[in-house]
């Protein structure tokens, strides 16, 4: 026969401490470090995409500006 955990048992105390830690993390702003990671990854993707687009446009820029490829780099 299984016994249901009581509210005064040692398991309940550890659950209470875990809940307090979660609340502390939320109030200090450390609850979601994944948001910062997501923003950094998105920024890196945007920078790589813009550099790639610029590298693709360099030959056309050289023609329009009457410049050599080495003058643009």
PDB file of N, CA and C in Angstrom:
ATOM      1  N   UNK A   1       0.844  -1.171   0.000  1.00  0.00           N
ATOM      2  CA  UNK A   1       0.000   0.000   0.000  1.00  0.00           C
ATOM      3  C   UNK A   1       0.900   1.248   0.000  1.00  0.00           C
ATOM      4  N   UNK A   2       0.649   2.157  -0.933  1.00  0.00           N
ATOM      5  CA  UNK A   2       1.457   3.373  -1.017  1.00  0.00           C
ATOM      6  C   UNK A   2       0.883   4.440  -0.104  1.00  0.00           C
ATOM      7  N   UNK A   3       1.789   5.187   0.478  1.00  0.00           N
ATOM      8  CA  UNK A   3       1.355   6.288   1.338  1.00  0.00           C
ATOM      9  C   UNK A   3       1.500   7.589   0.585  1.00  0.00           C
ATOM     10  N   UNK A   4       0.578   8.445   0.741  1.00  0.00           N
ATOM     11  CA  UNK A   4       0.659   9.773   0.142  1.00  0.00           C
ATOM     12  C   UNK A   4       1.618  10.625   0.963  1.00  0.00           C
ATOM     13  N   UNK A   5       2.442  11.437   0.306  1.00  0.00           N
ATOM     14  CA  UNK A   5       3.350  12.289   1.084  1.00  0.00           C
ATOM     15  C   UNK A   5       2.580  13.334   1.875  1.00  0.00           C
ATOM     16  N   UNK A   6       3.012  13.547   3.076  1.00  0.00           N
ATOM     17  CA  UNK A   6       2.358  14.538   3.930  1.00  0.00           C
ATOM     18  C   UNK A   6       2.996  15.895   3.705  1.00  0.00           C
ATOM     19  N   UNK A   7       2.307  16.927   4.090  1.00  0.00           N
ATOM     20  CA  UNK A   7       2.805  18.273   3.885  1.00  0.00           C
ATOM     21  C   UNK A   7       3.932  18.637   4.848  1.00  0.00           C
ATOM     22  N   UNK A   8       4.140  17.843   5.875  1.00  0.00           N
ATOM     23  CA  UNK A   8       5.194  18.162   6.845  1.00  0.00           C
ATOM     24  C   UNK A   8       6.417  17.276   6.677  1.00  0.00           C
ATOM     25  N   UNK A   9       6.437  16.403   5.685  1.00  0.00           N
ATOM     26  CA  UNK A   9       7.555  15.488   5.487  1.00  0.00           C
ATOM     27  C   UNK A   9       8.771  16.194   4.909  1.00  0.00           C
ATOM     28  N   UNK A  10       9.898  15.508   4.881  1.00  0.00           N
ATOM     29  CA  UNK A  10      11.127  16.118   4.366  1.00  0.00           C
ATOM     30  C   UNK A  10      11.040  16.442   2.887  1.00  0.00           C
ATOM     31  N   UNK A  11      10.248  15.683   2.112  1.00  0.00           N
ATOM     32  CA  UNK A  11      10.100  15.985   0.691  1.00  0.00           C
ATOM     33  C   UNK A  11       9.411  17.318   0.488  1.00  0.00           C
ATOM     34  N   UNK A  12       8.459  17.607   1.304  1.00  0.00           N
ATOM     35  CA  UNK A  12       7.719  18.859   1.176  1.00  0.00           C
ATOM     36  C   UNK A  12       8.621  20.053   1.478  1.00  0.00           C
ATOM     37  N   UNK A  13       9.516  19.903   2.451  1.00  0.00           N
ATOM     38  CA  UNK A  13      10.427  21.003   2.775  1.00  0.00           C
ATOM     39  C   UNK A  13      11.359  21.305   1.611  1.00  0.00           C
ATOM     40  N   UNK A  14      11.868  20.277   0.926  1.00  0.00           N
ATOM     41  CA  UNK A  14      12.748  20.528  -0.206  1.00  0.00           C
ATOM     42  C   UNK A  14      11.982  21.172  -1.354  1.00  0.00           C
ATOM     43  N   UNK A  15      10.706  20.802  -1.527  1.00  0.00           N
ATOM     44  CA  UNK A  15       9.893  21.438  -2.556  1.00  0.00           C
ATOM     45  C   UNK A  15       9.691  22.912  -2.246  1.00  0.00           C
ATOM     46  N   UNK A  16       9.490  23.230  -0.968  1.00  0.00           N
ATOM     47  CA  UNK A  16       9.324  24.622  -0.580  1.00  0.00           C
ATOM     48  C   UNK A  16      10.591  25.424  -0.875  1.00  0.00           C
ATOM     49  N   UNK A  17      11.753  24.843  -0.592  1.00  0.00           N
ATOM     50  CA  UNK A  17      13.014  25.542  -0.864  1.00  0.00           C
ATOM     51  C   UNK A  17      13.221  25.739  -2.359  1.00  0.00           C
ATOM     52  N   UNK A  18      12.827  24.764  -3.152  1.00  0.00           N
ATOM     53  CA  UNK A  18      12.942  24.888  -4.603  1.00  0.00           C
ATOM     54  C   UNK A  18      12.058  26.015  -5.103  1.00  0.00           C
ATOM     55  N   UNK A  19      10.867  26.108  -4.570  1.00  0.00           N
ATOM     56  CA  UNK A  19       9.949  27.171  -4.974  1.00  0.00           C
ATOM     57  C   UNK A  19      10.510  28.541  -4.592  1.00  0.00           C
ATOM     58  N   UNK A  20      11.115  28.647  -3.436  1.00  0.00           N
ATOM     59  CA  UNK A  20      11.718  29.921  -3.010  1.00  0.00           C
ATOM     60  C   UNK A  20      12.849  30.295  -3.956  1.00  0.00           C
ATOM     61  N   UNK A  21      13.681  29.314  -4.349  1.00  0.00           N
ATOM     62  CA  UNK A  21      14.768  29.594  -5.288  1.00  0.00           C
ATOM     63  C   UNK A  21      14.230  30.070  -6.624  1.00  0.00           C
ATOM     64  N   UNK A  22      13.130  29.471  -7.080  1.00  0.00           N
ATOM     65  CA  UNK A  22      12.528  29.901  -8.351  1.00  0.00           C
ATOM     66  C   UNK A  22      12.039  31.334  -8.251  1.00  0.00           C
ATOM     67  N   UNK A  23      11.414  31.676  -7.140  1.00  0.00           N
ATOM     68  CA  UNK A  23      10.929  33.040  -6.969  1.00  0.00           C
ATOM     69  C   UNK A  23      12.091  34.020  -6.889  1.00  0.00           C
ATOM     70  N   UNK A  24      13.181  33.649  -6.201  1.00  0.00           N
ATOM     71  CA  UNK A  24      14.342  34.521  -6.124  1.00  0.00           C
ATOM     72  C   UNK A  24      14.963  34.731  -7.500  1.00  0.00           C
ATOM     73  N   UNK A  25      15.048  33.686  -8.291  1.00  0.00           N
ATOM     74  CA  UNK A  25      15.612  33.798  -9.630  1.00  0.00           C
ATOM     75  C   UNK A  25      14.739  34.698 -10.495  1.00  0.00           C
ATOM     76  N   UNK A  26      13.433  34.607 -10.322  1.00  0.00           N
ATOM     77  CA  UNK A  26      12.536  35.436 -11.112  1.00  0.00           C
ATOM     78  C   UNK A  26      12.666  36.903 -10.736  1.00  0.00           C
ATOM     79  N   UNK A  27      12.774  37.205  -9.454  1.00  0.00           N
ATOM     80  CA  UNK A  27      12.846  38.600  -9.032  1.00  0.00           C
ATOM     81  C   UNK A  27      14.197  39.227  -9.337  1.00  0.00           C
ATOM     82  N   UNK A  28      15.257  38.430  -9.433  1.00  0.00           N
ATOM     83  CA  UNK A  28      16.564  38.991  -9.759  1.00  0.00           C
ATOM     84  C   UNK A  28      16.829  39.033 -11.254  1.00  0.00           C
ATOM     85  N   UNK A  29      15.926  38.480 -12.062  1.00  0.00           N
ATOM     86  CA  UNK A  29      16.092  38.532 -13.502  1.00  0.00           C
ATOM     87  C   UNK A  29      16.955  37.413 -14.061  1.00  0.00           C
ATOM     88  N   UNK A  30      17.257  36.396 -13.273  1.00  0.00           N
ATOM     89  CA  UNK A  30      18.081  35.308 -13.756  1.00  0.00           C
ATOM     90  C   UNK A  30      17.261  34.065 -14.069  1.00  0.00           C
ATOM     91  N   UNK A  31      15.981  34.235 -14.264  1.00  0.00           N
ATOM     92  CA  UNK A  31      15.122  33.077 -14.474  1.00  0.00           C
ATOM     93  C   UNK A  31      15.242  32.517 -15.885  1.00  0.00           C
ATOM     94  N   UNK A  32      15.538  33.352 -16.858  1.00  0.00           N
ATOM     95  CA  UNK A  32      15.566  32.878 -18.236  1.00  0.00           C
ATOM     96  C   UNK A  32      16.838  33.309 -18.964  1.00  0.00           C
ATOM     97  N   UNK A  33      17.930  32.625 -18.730  1.00  0.00           N
ATOM     98  CA  UNK A  33      19.148  32.962 -19.467  1.00  0.00           C
ATOM     99  C   UNK A  33      19.051  32.566 -20.933  1.00  0.00           C
ATOM    100  N   UNK A  34      18.076  31.747 -21.280  1.00  0.00           N
ATOM    101  CA  UNK A  34      17.913  31.360 -22.674  1.00  0.00           C
ATOM    102  C   UNK A  34      17.496  32.537 -23.539  1.00  0.00           C
ATOM    103  N   UNK A  35      16.847  33.534 -22.967  1.00  0.00           N
ATOM    104  CA  UNK A  35      16.466  34.719 -23.729  1.00  0.00           C
ATOM    105  C   UNK A  35      17.681  35.483 -24.207  1.00  0.00           C
ATOM    106  N   UNK A  36      18.677  35.593 -23.358  1.00  0.00           N
ATOM    107  CA  UNK A  36      19.917  36.271 -23.744  1.00  0.00           C
ATOM    108  C   UNK A  36      20.633  35.465 -24.816  1.00  0.00           C
ATOM    109  N   UNK A  37      20.673  34.158 -24.637  1.00  0.00           N
ATOM    110  CA  UNK A  37      21.311  33.291 -25.629  1.00  0.00           C
ATOM    111  C   UNK A  37      20.612  33.400 -26.976  1.00  0.00           C
ATOM    112  N   UNK A  38      19.302  33.436 -26.962  1.00  0.00           N
ATOM    113  CA  UNK A  38      18.546  33.574 -28.201  1.00  0.00           C
ATOM    114  C   UNK A  38      18.859  34.902 -28.888  1.00  0.00           C
ATOM    115  N   UNK A  39      18.915  35.979 -28.136  1.00  0.00           N
ATOM    116  CA  UNK A  39      19.213  37.291 -28.715  1.00  0.00           C
ATOM    117  C   UNK A  39      20.619  37.335 -29.303  1.00  0.00           C
ATOM    118  N   UNK A  40      21.579  36.738 -28.620  1.00  0.00           N
ATOM    119  CA  UNK A  40      22.952  36.731 -29.132  1.00  0.00           C
ATOM    120  C   UNK A  40      23.056  35.894 -30.412  1.00  0.00           C
ATOM    121  N   UNK A  41      22.393  34.748 -30.430  1.00  0.00           N
ATOM    122  CA  UNK A  41      22.437  33.906 -31.631  1.00  0.00           C
ATOM    123  C   UNK A  41      21.765  34.609 -32.799  1.00  0.00           C
ATOM    124  N   UNK A  42      20.663  35.276 -32.536  1.00  0.00           N
ATOM    125  CA  UNK A  42      19.965  35.996 -33.604  1.00  0.00           C
ATOM    126  C   UNK A  42      20.822  37.138 -34.138  1.00  0.00           C
ATOM    127  N   UNK A  43      21.496  37.854 -33.271  1.00  0.00           N
ATOM    128  CA  UNK A  43      22.376  38.938 -33.698  1.00  0.00           C
ATOM    129  C   UNK A  43      23.515  38.415 -34.554  1.00  0.00           C
ATOM    130  N   UNK A  44      24.098  37.295 -34.156  1.00  0.00           N
ATOM    131  CA  UNK A  44      25.187  36.710 -34.927  1.00  0.00           C
ATOM    132  C   UNK A  44      24.715  36.289 -36.310  1.00  0.00           C
ATOM    133  N   UNK A  45      23.539  35.719 -36.395  1.00  0.00           N
ATOM    134  CA  UNK A  45      22.995  35.317 -37.693  1.00  0.00           C
ATOM    135  C   UNK A  45      22.779  36.533 -38.587  1.00  0.00           C
ATOM    136  N   UNK A  46      22.268  37.618 -38.020  1.00  0.00           N
ATOM    137  CA  UNK A  46      22.041  38.829 -38.805  1.00  0.00           C
ATOM    138  C   UNK A  46      23.349  39.442 -39.302  1.00  0.00           C
ATOM    139  N   UNK A  47      24.382  39.432 -38.484  1.00  0.00           N
ATOM    140  CA  UNK A  47      25.678  39.976 -38.895  1.00  0.00           C
ATOM    141  C   UNK A  47      26.270  39.134 -40.016  1.00  0.00           C
ATOM    142  N   UNK A  48      26.225  37.826 -39.882  1.00  0.00           N
ATOM    143  CA  UNK A  48      26.770  36.944 -40.927  1.00  0.00           C
ATOM    144  C   UNK A  48      25.994  37.131 -42.228  1.00  0.00           C
ATOM    145  N   UNK A  49      24.683  37.267 -42.145  1.00  0.00           N
ATOM    146  CA  UNK A  49      23.873  37.462 -43.347  1.00  0.00           C
ATOM    147  C   UNK A  49      24.199  38.785 -44.028  1.00  0.00           C
ATOM    148  N   UNK A  50      24.393  39.834 -43.254  1.00  0.00           N
ATOM    149  CA  UNK A  50      24.698  41.137 -43.868  1.00  0.00           C
ATOM    150  C   UNK A  50      26.083  41.150 -44.494  1.00  0.00           C
ATOM    151  N   UNK A  51      27.056  40.500 -43.875  1.00  0.00           N
ATOM    152  CA  UNK A  51      28.399  40.424 -44.460  1.00  0.00           C
ATOM    153  C   UNK A  51      28.361  39.602 -45.744  1.00  0.00           C
ATOM    154  N   UNK A  52      27.590  38.531 -45.750  1.00  0.00           N
ATOM    155  CA  UNK A  52      27.459  37.716 -46.962  1.00  0.00           C
ATOM    156  C   UNK A  52      26.808  38.513 -48.089  1.00  0.00           C
ATOM    157  N   UNK A  53      25.783  39.272 -47.775  1.00  0.00           N
ATOM    158  CA  UNK A  53      25.122  40.097 -48.791  1.00  0.00           C
ATOM    159  C   UNK A  53      26.074  41.157 -49.341  1.00  0.00           C
ATOM    160  N   UNK A  54      26.869  41.740 -48.492  1.00  0.00           N
ATOM    161  CA  UNK A  54      27.831  42.741 -48.953  1.00  0.00           C
ATOM    162  C   UNK A  54      28.875  42.106 -49.870  1.00  0.00           C
ATOM    163  N   UNK A  55      29.356  40.908 -49.501  1.00  0.00           N
ATOM    164  CA  UNK A  55      30.334  40.227 -50.344  1.00  0.00           C
ATOM    165  C   UNK A  55      29.748  39.860 -51.699  1.00  0.00           C
ATOM    166  N   UNK A  56      28.467  39.537 -51.755  1.00  0.00           N
ATOM    167  CA  UNK A  56      27.826  39.252 -53.036  1.00  0.00           C
ATOM    168  C   UNK A  56      27.644  40.512 -53.874  1.00  0.00           C
ATOM    169  N   UNK A  57      27.477  41.647 -53.232  1.00  0.00           N
ATOM    170  CA  UNK A  57      27.243  42.898 -53.949  1.00  0.00           C
ATOM    171  C   UNK A  57      28.530  43.595 -54.374  1.00  0.00           C
ATOM    172  N   UNK A  58      29.680  43.175 -53.884  1.00  0.00           N
ATOM    173  CA  UNK A  58      30.931  43.873 -54.198  1.00  0.00           C
ATOM    174  C   UNK A  58      31.244  43.946 -55.693  1.00  0.00           C
ATOM    175  N   UNK A  59      31.076  42.899 -56.467  1.00  0.00           N
ATOM    176  CA  UNK A  59      31.368  43.048 -57.905  1.00  0.00           C
ATOM    177  C   UNK A  59      30.497  44.099 -58.600  1.00  0.00           C
ATOM    178  N   UNK A  60      29.210  44.152 -58.267  1.00  0.00           N
ATOM    179  CA  UNK A  60      28.329  45.164 -58.850  1.00  0.00           C
ATOM    180  C   UNK A  60      28.712  46.564 -58.376  1.00  0.00           C
ATOM    181  N   UNK A  61      29.107  46.685 -57.120  1.00  0.00           N
ATOM    182  CA  UNK A  61      29.570  47.989 -56.614  1.00  0.00           C
ATOM    183  C   UNK A  61      30.831  48.446 -57.336  1.00  0.00           C
ATOM    184  N   UNK A  62      31.704  47.511 -57.621  1.00  0.00           N
ATOM    185  CA  UNK A  62      32.937  47.853 -58.327  1.00  0.00           C
ATOM    186  C   UNK A  62      32.630  48.374 -59.726  1.00  0.00           C
ATOM    187  N   UNK A  63      31.663  47.773 -60.391  1.00  0.00           N
ATOM    188  CA  UNK A  63      31.290  48.230 -61.739  1.00  0.00           C
ATOM    189  C   UNK A  63      30.650  49.607 -61.669  1.00  0.00           C
ATOM    190  N   UNK A  64      29.726  49.805 -60.744  1.00  0.00           N
ATOM    191  CA  UNK A  64      29.025  51.071 -60.630  1.00  0.00           C
ATOM    192  C   UNK A  64      29.940  52.210 -60.208  1.00  0.00           C
ATOM    193  N   UNK A  65      30.925  51.931 -59.367  1.00  0.00           N
ATOM    194  CA  UNK A  65      31.821  52.983 -58.869  1.00  0.00           C
ATOM    195  C   UNK A  65      33.107  53.098 -59.674  1.00  0.00           C
ATOM    196  N   UNK A  66      33.209  52.291 -60.737  1.00  0.00           N
ATOM    197  CA  UNK A  66      34.424  52.257 -61.557  1.00  0.00           C
ATOM    198  C   UNK A  66      35.662  52.013 -60.715  1.00  0.00           C
ATOM    199  N   UNK A  67      35.564  51.073 -59.843  1.00  0.00           N
ATOM    200  CA  UNK A  67      36.665  50.747 -58.949  1.00  0.00           C
ATOM    201  C   UNK A  67      37.036  49.288 -59.156  1.00  0.00           C
ATOM    202  N   UNK A  68      38.234  48.943 -58.741  1.00  0.00           N
ATOM    203  CA  UNK A  68      38.662  47.554 -58.801  1.00  0.00           C
ATOM    204  C   UNK A  68      38.161  46.827 -57.541  1.00  0.00           C
ATOM    205  N   UNK A  69      38.162  45.513 -57.619  1.00  0.00           N
ATOM    206  CA  UNK A  69      37.732  44.743 -56.447  1.00  0.00           C
ATOM    207  C   UNK A  69      38.660  44.966 -55.271  1.00  0.00           C
ATOM    208  N   UNK A  70      39.951  45.140 -55.543  1.00  0.00           N
ATOM    209  CA  UNK A  70      40.882  45.359 -54.448  1.00  0.00           C
ATOM    210  C   UNK A  70      40.698  46.730 -53.788  1.00  0.00           C
ATOM    211  N   UNK A  71      40.156  47.690 -54.517  1.00  0.00           N
ATOM    212  CA  UNK A  71      39.921  49.012 -53.951  1.00  0.00           C
ATOM    213  C   UNK A  71      38.730  48.995 -52.988  1.00  0.00           C
ATOM    214  N   UNK A  72      37.851  48.038 -53.131  1.00  0.00           N
ATOM    215  CA  UNK A  72      36.659  47.992 -52.291  1.00  0.00           C
ATOM    216  C   UNK A  72      36.887  47.216 -51.003  1.00  0.00           C
ATOM    217  N   UNK A  73      37.922  46.404 -50.943  1.00  0.00           N
ATOM    218  CA  UNK A  73      38.126  45.576 -49.750  1.00  0.00           C
ATOM    219  C   UNK A  73      39.032  46.249 -48.756  1.00  0.00           C
TER     220      UNK A  73
END
